[in-house]
Amino acid sequence: MKRPPDISVSRLAIYLRFLEDYMKEKGSGATINSWQLAAFLDMHPHQIRKDFSYFGKFGERGIGYNIEELTEKIRKILGLDKKWNLCLSGLGDLGLALFAYRGFREMNLSIVAVFDNDRKKIGKVIRGVKIYSPKDIPAVVKKMKIDMAIIATPSSVAQENTDKLVAAGVRAILNFAPVKLNAPQYVKLRHVDLSTQLINLTYFLSAGA
């Protein structure tokens, strides 16, 4: 099977989010075709069918897709049928907000450890999750079989913590720190630059004023 482009994988997540909400409204036995799905998502049906084609056969010609079956298939493709252990590096304001995000549970992601440099926080337990020093990353990652990490630290320590996480065996990292991080090619690294996105919005607001 041909390796799907990253953009198609990202769109699968969009399809899944819509279908799960749609199924709550229409019921598990409902069906939908690519034209209907495209209309809801303001896309072209050919693009949707092409995205699906990377992952196998979906639906039946003339009938469309059974929403429940399609949702289950997409969840499996995205690895959401498994449970993943996640750690959070950095427990400042942003880190606390991410820690409180309930959507992780719906994705079978469980934050099992938090790392922070603040001595006042180290050793404390919040909602059943212990806060560790970054020095403990190697032992904790191995012991708790952590697969993914979220970086929400200040930029000054983000790369250092990333290096420790990668060395400990973490293979997927979502970075919220305002700095470009480096990691080996075998590590999936994604950057979420909130400040840049907000500045883009302020530009468009100013330009349109």
N, C-alpha and C. Protein backbone atom coordinates (compact mmCIF):
# COMPACT_ATOMS: atom_id res chain seq x y z
N MET A 1 0.85 -1.20 0.00
CA MET A 1 0.00 0.00 0.00
C MET A 1 0.88 1.25 0.00
N LYS A 2 0.53 2.21 -0.88
CA LYS A 2 1.30 3.44 -0.97
C LYS A 2 1.18 4.26 0.31
N ARG A 3 2.33 4.79 0.76
CA ARG A 3 2.31 5.60 1.98
C ARG A 3 1.49 6.87 1.75
N PRO A 4 0.49 7.13 2.58
CA PRO A 4 -0.34 8.33 2.41
C PRO A 4 0.41 9.60 2.78
N PRO A 5 0.15 10.69 2.10
CA PRO A 5 0.77 11.97 2.48
C PRO A 5 0.22 12.42 3.83
N ASP A 6 1.03 13.21 4.53
CA ASP A 6 0.63 13.69 5.86
C ASP A 6 -0.68 14.45 5.83
N ILE A 7 -0.92 15.20 4.74
CA ILE A 7 -2.15 16.00 4.66
C ILE A 7 -3.38 15.12 4.62
N SER A 8 -3.27 13.93 4.00
CA SER A 8 -4.41 13.01 3.96
C SER A 8 -4.68 12.43 5.34
N VAL A 9 -3.62 12.16 6.10
CA VAL A 9 -3.78 11.68 7.46
C VAL A 9 -4.46 12.75 8.31
N SER A 10 -4.05 14.00 8.12
CA SER A 10 -4.66 15.11 8.87
C SER A 10 -6.14 15.24 8.53
N ARG A 11 -6.48 15.05 7.25
CA ARG A 11 -7.88 15.16 6.87
C ARG A 11 -8.71 14.01 7.44
N LEU A 12 -8.09 12.84 7.62
CA LEU A 12 -8.82 11.72 8.24
C LEU A 12 -9.32 12.13 9.62
N ALA A 13 -8.49 12.86 10.35
CA ALA A 13 -8.88 13.33 11.69
C ALA A 13 -10.07 14.28 11.59
N ILE A 14 -10.11 15.10 10.54
CA ILE A 14 -11.23 16.01 10.34
C ILE A 14 -12.50 15.22 10.02
N TYR A 15 -12.36 14.22 9.13
CA TYR A 15 -13.52 13.39 8.79
C TYR A 15 -14.05 12.70 10.04
N LEU A 16 -13.14 12.18 10.84
CA LEU A 16 -13.56 11.45 12.05
C LEU A 16 -14.33 12.34 13.01
N ARG A 17 -13.82 13.53 13.24
CA ARG A 17 -14.47 14.45 14.17
C ARG A 17 -15.89 14.78 13.71
N PHE A 18 -16.03 15.02 12.41
CA PHE A 18 -17.37 15.31 11.88
C PHE A 18 -18.28 14.09 11.99
N LEU A 19 -17.79 12.92 11.58
CA LEU A 19 -18.61 11.71 11.56
C LEU A 19 -19.09 11.32 12.95
N GLU A 20 -18.24 11.49 13.95
CA GLU A 20 -18.64 11.15 15.32
C GLU A 20 -19.79 12.05 15.78
N ASP A 21 -19.71 13.33 15.44
CA ASP A 21 -20.80 14.25 15.80
C ASP A 21 -22.06 13.94 14.98
N TYR A 22 -21.87 13.63 13.70
CA TYR A 22 -22.99 13.34 12.81
C TYR A 22 -23.72 12.07 13.25
N MET A 23 -22.95 11.09 13.71
CA MET A 23 -23.55 9.83 14.14
C MET A 23 -24.40 10.02 15.40
N LYS A 24 -24.00 10.94 16.26
CA LYS A 24 -24.79 11.23 17.46
C LYS A 24 -26.16 11.78 17.08
N GLU A 25 -26.18 12.50 15.98
CA GLU A 25 -27.44 13.11 15.52
C GLU A 25 -28.30 12.13 14.73
N LYS A 26 -27.67 11.34 13.84
CA LYS A 26 -28.41 10.48 12.93
C LYS A 26 -28.55 9.03 13.40
N GLY A 27 -27.70 8.60 14.32
CA GLY A 27 -27.76 7.21 14.78
C GLY A 27 -26.72 6.34 14.09
N SER A 28 -26.38 5.22 14.71
CA SER A 28 -25.29 4.38 14.22
C SER A 28 -25.59 3.69 12.91
N GLY A 29 -26.86 3.52 12.54
CA GLY A 29 -27.21 2.82 11.31
C GLY A 29 -27.25 3.71 10.09
N ALA A 30 -27.02 4.98 10.27
CA ALA A 30 -27.11 5.94 9.17
C ALA A 30 -25.96 5.78 8.18
N THR A 31 -26.18 6.23 6.94
CA THR A 31 -25.15 6.20 5.92
C THR A 31 -24.91 7.61 5.40
N ILE A 32 -23.78 7.77 4.73
CA ILE A 32 -23.43 9.06 4.12
C ILE A 32 -22.56 8.77 2.91
N ASN A 33 -22.70 9.53 1.85
CA ASN A 33 -21.83 9.33 0.69
C ASN A 33 -20.81 10.46 0.60
N SER A 34 -19.87 10.31 -0.33
CA SER A 34 -18.78 11.27 -0.42
C SER A 34 -19.26 12.66 -0.81
N TRP A 35 -20.34 12.75 -1.60
CA TRP A 35 -20.88 14.04 -1.99
C TRP A 35 -21.48 14.77 -0.78
N GLN A 36 -22.20 14.02 0.05
CA GLN A 36 -22.79 14.62 1.25
C GLN A 36 -21.70 15.06 2.22
N LEU A 37 -20.71 14.18 2.42
CA LEU A 37 -19.61 14.49 3.33
C LEU A 37 -18.85 15.72 2.84
N ALA A 38 -18.62 15.77 1.53
CA ALA A 38 -17.91 16.91 0.95
C ALA A 38 -18.69 18.21 1.14
N ALA A 39 -20.01 18.14 0.99
CA ALA A 39 -20.84 19.33 1.15
C ALA A 39 -20.77 19.87 2.58
N PHE A 40 -20.81 18.96 3.54
CA PHE A 40 -20.74 19.37 4.94
C PHE A 40 -19.38 20.01 5.27
N LEU A 41 -18.32 19.48 4.66
CA LEU A 41 -16.97 19.92 5.00
C LEU A 41 -16.40 20.94 4.00
N ASP A 42 -17.23 21.35 3.02
CA ASP A 42 -16.81 22.31 2.01
C ASP A 42 -15.56 21.81 1.28
N MET A 43 -15.63 20.57 0.80
CA MET A 43 -14.53 19.95 0.08
C MET A 43 -15.06 19.35 -1.21
N HIS A 44 -14.16 18.78 -2.01
CA HIS A 44 -14.58 18.09 -3.23
C HIS A 44 -14.66 16.60 -2.94
N PRO A 45 -15.71 15.92 -3.36
CA PRO A 45 -15.85 14.49 -3.07
C PRO A 45 -14.70 13.64 -3.61
N HIS A 46 -14.10 14.08 -4.72
CA HIS A 46 -12.95 13.34 -5.26
C HIS A 46 -11.80 13.31 -4.27
N GLN A 47 -11.60 14.44 -3.58
CA GLN A 47 -10.51 14.51 -2.59
C GLN A 47 -10.76 13.55 -1.45
N ILE A 48 -12.00 13.45 -1.01
CA ILE A 48 -12.34 12.54 0.07
C ILE A 48 -12.11 11.10 -0.35
N ARG A 49 -12.59 10.74 -1.55
CA ARG A 49 -12.40 9.37 -2.03
C ARG A 49 -10.92 9.05 -2.22
N LYS A 50 -10.14 10.04 -2.67
CA LYS A 50 -8.71 9.83 -2.85
C LYS A 50 -8.03 9.61 -1.50
N ASP A 51 -8.42 10.40 -0.50
CA ASP A 51 -7.84 10.22 0.85
C ASP A 51 -8.12 8.81 1.36
N PHE A 52 -9.36 8.37 1.20
CA PHE A 52 -9.74 7.04 1.68
C PHE A 52 -8.98 5.94 0.92
N SER A 53 -8.70 6.17 -0.37
CA SER A 53 -8.09 5.14 -1.20
C SER A 53 -6.70 4.74 -0.72
N TYR A 54 -6.04 5.63 0.01
CA TYR A 54 -4.71 5.31 0.54
C TYR A 54 -4.78 4.21 1.59
N PHE A 55 -5.95 4.02 2.17
CA PHE A 55 -6.07 3.12 3.32
C PHE A 55 -6.92 1.87 3.05
N GLY A 56 -7.35 1.68 1.80
CA GLY A 56 -8.14 0.50 1.49
C GLY A 56 -9.50 0.84 0.90
N LYS A 57 -10.40 -0.13 0.93
CA LYS A 57 -11.73 0.04 0.35
C LYS A 57 -12.72 0.50 1.42
N PHE A 58 -13.48 1.54 1.08
CA PHE A 58 -14.47 2.08 2.00
C PHE A 58 -15.82 2.17 1.30
N GLY A 59 -16.88 1.78 1.99
CA GLY A 59 -18.23 1.96 1.48
C GLY A 59 -18.56 1.08 0.29
N GLU A 60 -19.78 1.29 -0.23
CA GLU A 60 -20.27 0.55 -1.39
C GLU A 60 -20.83 1.53 -2.41
N ARG A 61 -20.52 1.25 -3.68
CA ARG A 61 -20.99 2.12 -4.76
C ARG A 61 -22.51 2.18 -4.76
N GLY A 62 -23.06 3.37 -4.83
CA GLY A 62 -24.51 3.55 -4.87
C GLY A 62 -25.16 3.60 -3.50
N ILE A 63 -24.41 3.25 -2.47
CA ILE A 63 -24.95 3.25 -1.11
C ILE A 63 -24.23 4.27 -0.24
N GLY A 64 -22.93 4.30 -0.37
CA GLY A 64 -22.15 5.21 0.46
C GLY A 64 -21.47 4.48 1.60
N TYR A 65 -21.30 5.18 2.68
CA TYR A 65 -20.58 4.63 3.83
C TYR A 65 -21.52 4.48 5.02
N ASN A 66 -21.46 3.32 5.66
CA ASN A 66 -22.12 3.18 6.95
C ASN A 66 -21.30 3.99 7.95
N ILE A 67 -21.92 4.95 8.59
CA ILE A 67 -21.18 5.90 9.42
C ILE A 67 -20.45 5.21 10.57
N GLU A 68 -21.11 4.26 11.22
CA GLU A 68 -20.47 3.59 12.35
C GLU A 68 -19.25 2.79 11.89
N GLU A 69 -19.39 2.06 10.78
CA GLU A 69 -18.28 1.27 10.27
C GLU A 69 -17.13 2.16 9.81
N LEU A 70 -17.48 3.26 9.13
CA LEU A 70 -16.46 4.18 8.65
C LEU A 70 -15.71 4.81 9.82
N THR A 71 -16.45 5.18 10.85
CA THR A 71 -15.82 5.78 12.04
C THR A 71 -14.86 4.80 12.69
N GLU A 72 -15.28 3.55 12.83
CA GLU A 72 -14.42 2.54 13.44
C GLU A 72 -13.16 2.31 12.62
N LYS A 73 -13.29 2.29 11.29
CA LYS A 73 -12.13 2.08 10.43
C LYS A 73 -11.14 3.23 10.54
N ILE A 74 -11.67 4.46 10.56
CA ILE A 74 -10.78 5.61 10.65
C ILE A 74 -10.07 5.64 12.00
N ARG A 75 -10.80 5.33 13.06
CA ARG A 75 -10.18 5.29 14.39
C ARG A 75 -9.05 4.27 14.43
N LYS A 76 -9.27 3.13 13.77
CA LYS A 76 -8.23 2.09 13.74
C LYS A 76 -7.03 2.56 12.95
N ILE A 77 -7.27 3.18 11.79
CA ILE A 77 -6.18 3.68 10.96
C ILE A 77 -5.34 4.70 11.73
N LEU A 78 -6.01 5.56 12.48
CA LEU A 78 -5.32 6.62 13.23
C LEU A 78 -4.74 6.13 14.55
N GLY A 79 -4.95 4.85 14.86
CA GLY A 79 -4.39 4.29 16.09
C GLY A 79 -5.19 4.63 17.33
N LEU A 80 -6.43 5.11 17.14
CA LEU A 80 -7.24 5.51 18.27
C LEU A 80 -7.99 4.34 18.91
N ASP A 81 -7.80 3.15 18.35
CA ASP A 81 -8.39 1.96 18.95
C ASP A 81 -7.46 1.38 20.02
N LYS A 82 -6.29 2.00 20.18
CA LYS A 82 -5.32 1.58 21.19
C LYS A 82 -5.18 2.66 22.25
N LYS A 83 -4.61 2.29 23.39
CA LYS A 83 -4.37 3.27 24.45
C LYS A 83 -2.90 3.69 24.39
N TRP A 84 -2.68 4.99 24.51
CA TRP A 84 -1.33 5.54 24.43
C TRP A 84 -1.02 6.33 25.70
N ASN A 85 0.16 6.10 26.23
CA ASN A 85 0.61 6.85 27.41
C ASN A 85 1.35 8.11 26.95
N LEU A 86 1.00 9.20 27.58
CA LEU A 86 1.48 10.52 27.18
C LEU A 86 2.08 11.22 28.39
N CYS A 87 3.12 12.01 28.16
CA CYS A 87 3.67 12.82 29.24
C CYS A 87 3.64 14.28 28.83
N LEU A 88 3.61 15.15 29.82
CA LEU A 88 3.58 16.58 29.60
C LEU A 88 4.82 17.20 30.21
N SER A 89 5.56 17.95 29.42
CA SER A 89 6.76 18.63 29.90
C SER A 89 6.47 20.12 30.01
N GLY A 90 6.39 20.58 31.25
CA GLY A 90 6.08 21.99 31.48
C GLY A 90 4.69 22.18 32.04
N LEU A 91 4.58 22.69 33.26
CA LEU A 91 3.28 22.85 33.90
C LEU A 91 3.02 24.30 34.28
N GLY A 92 3.27 25.18 33.32
CA GLY A 92 2.91 26.59 33.50
C GLY A 92 1.43 26.77 33.14
N ASP A 93 1.05 27.97 32.77
CA ASP A 93 -0.35 28.24 32.43
C ASP A 93 -0.83 27.39 31.25
N LEU A 94 -0.01 27.33 30.20
CA LEU A 94 -0.38 26.53 29.03
C LEU A 94 -0.39 25.05 29.37
N GLY A 95 0.61 24.61 30.11
CA GLY A 95 0.68 23.20 30.50
C GLY A 95 -0.51 22.77 31.32
N LEU A 96 -0.94 23.64 32.23
CA LEU A 96 -2.12 23.33 33.05
C LEU A 96 -3.37 23.21 32.19
N ALA A 97 -3.50 24.10 31.21
CA ALA A 97 -4.66 24.05 30.31
C ALA A 97 -4.66 22.76 29.50
N LEU A 98 -3.49 22.36 29.01
CA LEU A 98 -3.39 21.12 28.24
C LEU A 98 -3.66 19.91 29.13
N PHE A 99 -3.19 19.95 30.34
CA PHE A 99 -3.39 18.85 31.27
C PHE A 99 -4.88 18.65 31.55
N ALA A 100 -5.62 19.75 31.59
CA ALA A 100 -7.05 19.69 31.91
C ALA A 100 -7.92 19.33 30.71
N TYR A 101 -7.32 19.26 29.52
CA TYR A 101 -8.10 19.02 28.31
C TYR A 101 -8.70 17.61 28.32
N ARG A 102 -10.04 17.54 28.29
CA ARG A 102 -10.73 16.25 28.39
C ARG A 102 -10.72 15.45 27.09
N GLY A 103 -10.43 16.14 25.99
CA GLY A 103 -10.44 15.47 24.69
C GLY A 103 -9.42 14.36 24.56
N PHE A 104 -8.36 14.40 25.38
CA PHE A 104 -7.36 13.35 25.32
C PHE A 104 -7.98 11.98 25.57
N ARG A 105 -8.90 11.92 26.51
CA ARG A 105 -9.53 10.64 26.84
C ARG A 105 -10.27 10.06 25.65
N GLU A 106 -10.95 10.92 24.89
CA GLU A 106 -11.70 10.46 23.72
C GLU A 106 -10.77 9.89 22.66
N MET A 107 -9.51 10.30 22.66
CA MET A 107 -8.53 9.81 21.70
C MET A 107 -7.70 8.67 22.28
N ASN A 108 -8.10 8.17 23.44
CA ASN A 108 -7.37 7.09 24.12
C ASN A 108 -5.95 7.51 24.51
N LEU A 109 -5.77 8.81 24.75
CA LEU A 109 -4.49 9.33 25.22
C LEU A 109 -4.60 9.62 26.71
N SER A 110 -3.63 9.14 27.43
CA SER A 110 -3.66 9.31 28.89
C SER A 110 -2.36 9.94 29.37
N ILE A 111 -2.45 11.13 29.98
CA ILE A 111 -1.26 11.76 30.56
C ILE A 111 -0.93 11.03 31.86
N VAL A 112 0.20 10.36 31.87
CA VAL A 112 0.58 9.53 33.03
C VAL A 112 1.73 10.13 33.83
N ALA A 113 2.35 11.18 33.31
CA ALA A 113 3.46 11.82 34.03
C ALA A 113 3.62 13.26 33.56
N VAL A 114 4.05 14.11 34.48
CA VAL A 114 4.32 15.51 34.17
C VAL A 114 5.73 15.83 34.63
N PHE A 115 6.45 16.61 33.82
CA PHE A 115 7.82 17.02 34.17
C PHE A 115 7.89 18.53 34.26
N ASP A 116 8.52 19.03 35.33
CA ASP A 116 8.63 20.47 35.52
C ASP A 116 9.86 20.77 36.37
N ASN A 117 10.48 21.93 36.09
CA ASN A 117 11.70 22.32 36.84
C ASN A 117 11.41 22.96 38.19
N ASP A 118 10.19 23.36 38.43
CA ASP A 118 9.83 24.06 39.66
C ASP A 118 9.88 23.11 40.85
N ARG A 119 10.79 23.37 41.77
CA ARG A 119 10.96 22.50 42.93
C ARG A 119 9.71 22.43 43.80
N LYS A 120 8.90 23.52 43.76
CA LYS A 120 7.68 23.53 44.56
C LYS A 120 6.61 22.58 44.00
N LYS A 121 6.72 22.26 42.71
CA LYS A 121 5.75 21.38 42.08
C LYS A 121 6.20 19.91 42.08
N ILE A 122 7.51 19.70 42.01
CA ILE A 122 8.05 18.35 41.92
C ILE A 122 7.63 17.51 43.13
N GLY A 123 7.11 16.33 42.84
CA GLY A 123 6.68 15.42 43.90
C GLY A 123 5.20 15.49 44.19
N LYS A 124 4.55 16.57 43.77
CA LYS A 124 3.12 16.70 44.00
C LYS A 124 2.34 15.82 43.01
N VAL A 125 1.10 15.53 43.38
CA VAL A 125 0.23 14.72 42.53
C VAL A 125 -1.02 15.52 42.21
N ILE A 126 -1.33 15.68 40.92
CA ILE A 126 -2.55 16.37 40.51
C ILE A 126 -3.42 15.42 39.70
N ARG A 127 -4.63 15.24 40.18
CA ARG A 127 -5.58 14.33 39.52
C ARG A 127 -4.98 12.96 39.27
N GLY A 128 -4.22 12.50 40.25
CA GLY A 128 -3.66 11.16 40.17
C GLY A 128 -2.37 11.05 39.38
N VAL A 129 -1.86 12.18 38.88
CA VAL A 129 -0.64 12.17 38.07
C VAL A 129 0.49 12.89 38.82
N LYS A 130 1.62 12.23 38.92
CA LYS A 130 2.75 12.79 39.68
C LYS A 130 3.60 13.72 38.82
N ILE A 131 4.12 14.76 39.47
CA ILE A 131 5.01 15.71 38.80
C ILE A 131 6.46 15.34 39.13
N TYR A 132 7.27 15.18 38.10
CA TYR A 132 8.67 14.77 38.26
C TYR A 132 9.61 15.86 37.78
N SER A 133 10.85 15.76 38.21
CA SER A 133 11.90 16.60 37.68
C SER A 133 12.29 16.08 36.30
N PRO A 134 12.70 16.97 35.38
CA PRO A 134 13.16 16.50 34.06
C PRO A 134 14.32 15.51 34.17
N LYS A 135 15.04 15.54 35.29
CA LYS A 135 16.13 14.58 35.49
C LYS A 135 15.62 13.14 35.54
N ASP A 136 14.34 12.99 35.87
CA ASP A 136 13.75 11.66 36.00
C ASP A 136 13.18 11.13 34.68
N ILE A 137 13.29 11.90 33.61
CA ILE A 137 12.69 11.51 32.34
C ILE A 137 13.09 10.10 31.89
N PRO A 138 14.38 9.74 31.88
CA PRO A 138 14.76 8.40 31.40
C PRO A 138 14.08 7.27 32.16
N ALA A 139 14.07 7.35 33.48
CA ALA A 139 13.48 6.28 34.29
C ALA A 139 11.97 6.24 34.17
N VAL A 140 11.33 7.41 34.20
CA VAL A 140 9.86 7.47 34.18
C VAL A 140 9.31 7.04 32.83
N VAL A 141 9.92 7.49 31.75
CA VAL A 141 9.46 7.11 30.41
C VAL A 141 9.53 5.61 30.22
N LYS A 142 10.62 5.02 30.68
CA LYS A 142 10.78 3.56 30.55
C LYS A 142 9.79 2.82 31.44
N LYS A 143 9.67 3.24 32.70
CA LYS A 143 8.80 2.55 33.65
C LYS A 143 7.33 2.62 33.24
N MET A 144 6.90 3.79 32.75
CA MET A 144 5.49 4.00 32.44
C MET A 144 5.16 3.77 30.96
N LYS A 145 6.16 3.33 30.21
CA LYS A 145 5.98 3.00 28.79
C LYS A 145 5.29 4.15 28.04
N ILE A 146 5.91 5.31 28.14
CA ILE A 146 5.36 6.51 27.52
C ILE A 146 5.70 6.56 26.04
N ASP A 147 4.69 6.77 25.21
CA ASP A 147 4.84 6.77 23.75
C ASP A 147 5.00 8.17 23.17
N MET A 148 4.29 9.13 23.77
CA MET A 148 4.25 10.49 23.21
C MET A 148 4.47 11.53 24.30
N ALA A 149 4.87 12.71 23.84
CA ALA A 149 5.11 13.80 24.79
C ALA A 149 4.58 15.11 24.23
N ILE A 150 4.17 15.98 25.15
CA ILE A 150 3.79 17.35 24.80
C ILE A 150 4.80 18.28 25.47
N ILE A 151 5.38 19.17 24.69
CA ILE A 151 6.32 20.16 25.21
C ILE A 151 5.59 21.48 25.40
N ALA A 152 5.54 21.95 26.65
CA ALA A 152 4.90 23.24 26.94
C ALA A 152 5.79 24.05 27.88
N THR A 153 7.09 23.91 27.69
CA THR A 153 8.07 24.58 28.54
C THR A 153 8.46 25.93 27.94
N PRO A 154 9.19 26.75 28.69
CA PRO A 154 9.81 27.94 28.08
C PRO A 154 10.79 27.50 27.00
N SER A 155 11.03 28.36 26.03
CA SER A 155 11.91 27.99 24.92
C SER A 155 13.32 27.63 25.36
N SER A 156 13.78 28.19 26.47
CA SER A 156 15.15 27.99 26.92
C SER A 156 15.46 26.53 27.30
N VAL A 157 14.45 25.78 27.68
CA VAL A 157 14.70 24.39 28.09
C VAL A 157 13.98 23.37 27.20
N ALA A 158 13.29 23.85 26.18
CA ALA A 158 12.49 22.96 25.34
C ALA A 158 13.35 21.92 24.62
N GLN A 159 14.47 22.36 24.01
CA GLN A 159 15.31 21.41 23.27
C GLN A 159 15.97 20.40 24.20
N GLU A 160 16.40 20.88 25.36
CA GLU A 160 17.03 19.98 26.34
C GLU A 160 16.07 18.88 26.77
N ASN A 161 14.83 19.26 27.06
CA ASN A 161 13.84 18.26 27.46
C ASN A 161 13.49 17.33 26.30
N THR A 162 13.44 17.88 25.11
CA THR A 162 13.17 17.06 23.93
C THR A 162 14.25 16.01 23.74
N ASP A 163 15.50 16.42 23.89
CA ASP A 163 16.61 15.48 23.75
C ASP A 163 16.51 14.34 24.76
N LYS A 164 16.12 14.68 25.99
CA LYS A 164 15.99 13.66 27.02
C LYS A 164 14.85 12.70 26.70
N LEU A 165 13.75 13.24 26.24
CA LEU A 165 12.59 12.41 25.91
C LEU A 165 12.90 11.46 24.75
N VAL A 166 13.57 11.99 23.73
CA VAL A 166 13.93 11.16 22.58
C VAL A 166 14.90 10.06 23.00
N ALA A 167 15.89 10.42 23.79
CA ALA A 167 16.87 9.44 24.26
C ALA A 167 16.22 8.36 25.10
N ALA A 168 15.12 8.72 25.78
CA ALA A 168 14.42 7.76 26.64
C ALA A 168 13.50 6.83 25.86
N GLY A 169 13.25 7.18 24.57
CA GLY A 169 12.43 6.29 23.75
C GLY A 169 11.12 6.87 23.24
N VAL A 170 10.84 8.15 23.54
CA VAL A 170 9.62 8.78 23.03
C VAL A 170 9.75 8.98 21.53
N ARG A 171 8.73 8.59 20.76
CA ARG A 171 8.81 8.63 19.30
C ARG A 171 7.87 9.63 18.64
N ALA A 172 7.08 10.33 19.45
CA ALA A 172 6.15 11.33 18.90
C ALA A 172 6.05 12.50 19.87
N ILE A 173 6.23 13.71 19.35
CA ILE A 173 6.26 14.91 20.21
C ILE A 173 5.43 16.01 19.58
N LEU A 174 4.59 16.62 20.42
CA LEU A 174 3.82 17.80 20.01
C LEU A 174 4.39 19.00 20.77
N ASN A 175 4.93 19.96 20.03
CA ASN A 175 5.63 21.07 20.65
C ASN A 175 4.81 22.35 20.66
N PHE A 176 4.54 22.87 21.86
CA PHE A 176 3.85 24.15 22.02
C PHE A 176 4.83 25.26 22.43
N ALA A 177 6.08 24.91 22.66
CA ALA A 177 7.06 25.94 23.04
C ALA A 177 7.34 26.84 21.84
N PRO A 178 7.56 28.12 22.08
CA PRO A 178 7.77 29.07 20.98
C PRO A 178 9.18 29.00 20.41
N VAL A 179 9.59 27.82 19.99
CA VAL A 179 10.92 27.63 19.43
C VAL A 179 10.89 26.39 18.53
N LYS A 180 11.70 26.42 17.47
CA LYS A 180 11.80 25.29 16.57
C LYS A 180 12.69 24.24 17.20
N LEU A 181 12.19 23.03 17.32
CA LEU A 181 12.94 21.95 17.95
C LEU A 181 13.52 21.01 16.90
N ASN A 182 14.58 20.33 17.27
CA ASN A 182 15.21 19.35 16.40
C ASN A 182 15.08 17.96 17.02
N ALA A 183 14.84 16.99 16.16
CA ALA A 183 14.73 15.61 16.61
C ALA A 183 15.13 14.70 15.46
N PRO A 184 15.54 13.47 15.74
CA PRO A 184 15.90 12.53 14.67
C PRO A 184 14.71 12.28 13.75
N GLN A 185 14.99 11.84 12.52
CA GLN A 185 13.94 11.62 11.54
C GLN A 185 12.92 10.57 11.98
N TYR A 186 13.35 9.61 12.80
CA TYR A 186 12.43 8.56 13.22
C TYR A 186 11.43 9.03 14.28
N VAL A 187 11.61 10.26 14.76
CA VAL A 187 10.69 10.84 15.73
C VAL A 187 9.72 11.77 15.00
N LYS A 188 8.43 11.57 15.23
CA LYS A 188 7.42 12.43 14.61
C LYS A 188 7.28 13.68 15.48
N LEU A 189 7.66 14.82 14.94
CA LEU A 189 7.65 16.07 15.68
C LEU A 189 6.72 17.07 15.01
N ARG A 190 5.78 17.59 15.78
CA ARG A 190 4.83 18.57 15.27
C ARG A 190 4.91 19.84 16.12
N HIS A 191 4.88 21.01 15.44
CA HIS A 191 4.96 22.30 16.13
C HIS A 191 3.61 23.02 16.09
N VAL A 192 3.21 23.56 17.22
CA VAL A 192 1.99 24.36 17.31
C VAL A 192 2.41 25.73 17.83
N ASP A 193 2.53 26.69 16.92
CA ASP A 193 2.99 28.04 17.28
C ASP A 193 1.78 28.95 17.47
N LEU A 194 1.29 29.02 18.69
CA LEU A 194 0.09 29.81 18.98
C LEU A 194 0.30 31.30 18.72
N SER A 195 1.46 31.81 19.12
CA SER A 195 1.70 33.24 18.97
C SER A 195 1.71 33.66 17.51
N THR A 196 2.35 32.86 16.65
CA THR A 196 2.40 33.20 15.24
C THR A 196 1.01 33.19 14.62
N GLN A 197 0.21 32.20 14.99
CA GLN A 197 -1.15 32.11 14.46
C GLN A 197 -1.99 33.31 14.89
N LEU A 198 -1.84 33.72 16.14
CA LEU A 198 -2.58 34.87 16.63
C LEU A 198 -2.13 36.16 15.95
N ILE A 199 -0.82 36.27 15.71
CA ILE A 199 -0.31 37.45 15.01
C ILE A 199 -0.85 37.51 13.59
N ASN A 200 -0.97 36.35 12.95
CA ASN A 200 -1.57 36.32 11.61
C ASN A 200 -2.99 36.87 11.65
N LEU A 201 -3.73 36.51 12.69
CA LEU A 201 -5.11 36.98 12.82
C LEU A 201 -5.16 38.49 13.06
N THR A 202 -4.25 38.98 13.92
CA THR A 202 -4.26 40.42 14.17
C THR A 202 -3.91 41.20 12.91
N TYR A 203 -3.03 40.62 12.06
CA TYR A 203 -2.69 41.29 10.80
C TYR A 203 -3.92 41.43 9.91
N PHE A 204 -4.68 40.32 9.76
CA PHE A 204 -5.85 40.36 8.90
C PHE A 204 -6.92 41.29 9.43
N LEU A 205 -7.04 41.35 10.76
CA LEU A 205 -8.00 42.28 11.35
C LEU A 205 -7.59 43.72 11.08
N SER A 206 -6.29 43.97 11.23
CA SER A 206 -5.79 45.34 11.00
C SER A 206 -5.88 45.74 9.54
N ALA A 207 -5.56 44.80 8.65
CA ALA A 207 -5.57 45.08 7.22
C ALA A 207 -6.97 45.33 6.70
N GLY A 208 -7.95 44.69 7.37
CA GLY A 208 -9.32 44.83 6.91
C GLY A 208 -10.05 45.98 7.58
N ALA A 209 -9.39 46.64 8.53
CA ALA A 209 -10.04 47.73 9.26
C ALA A 209 -10.11 49.00 8.41
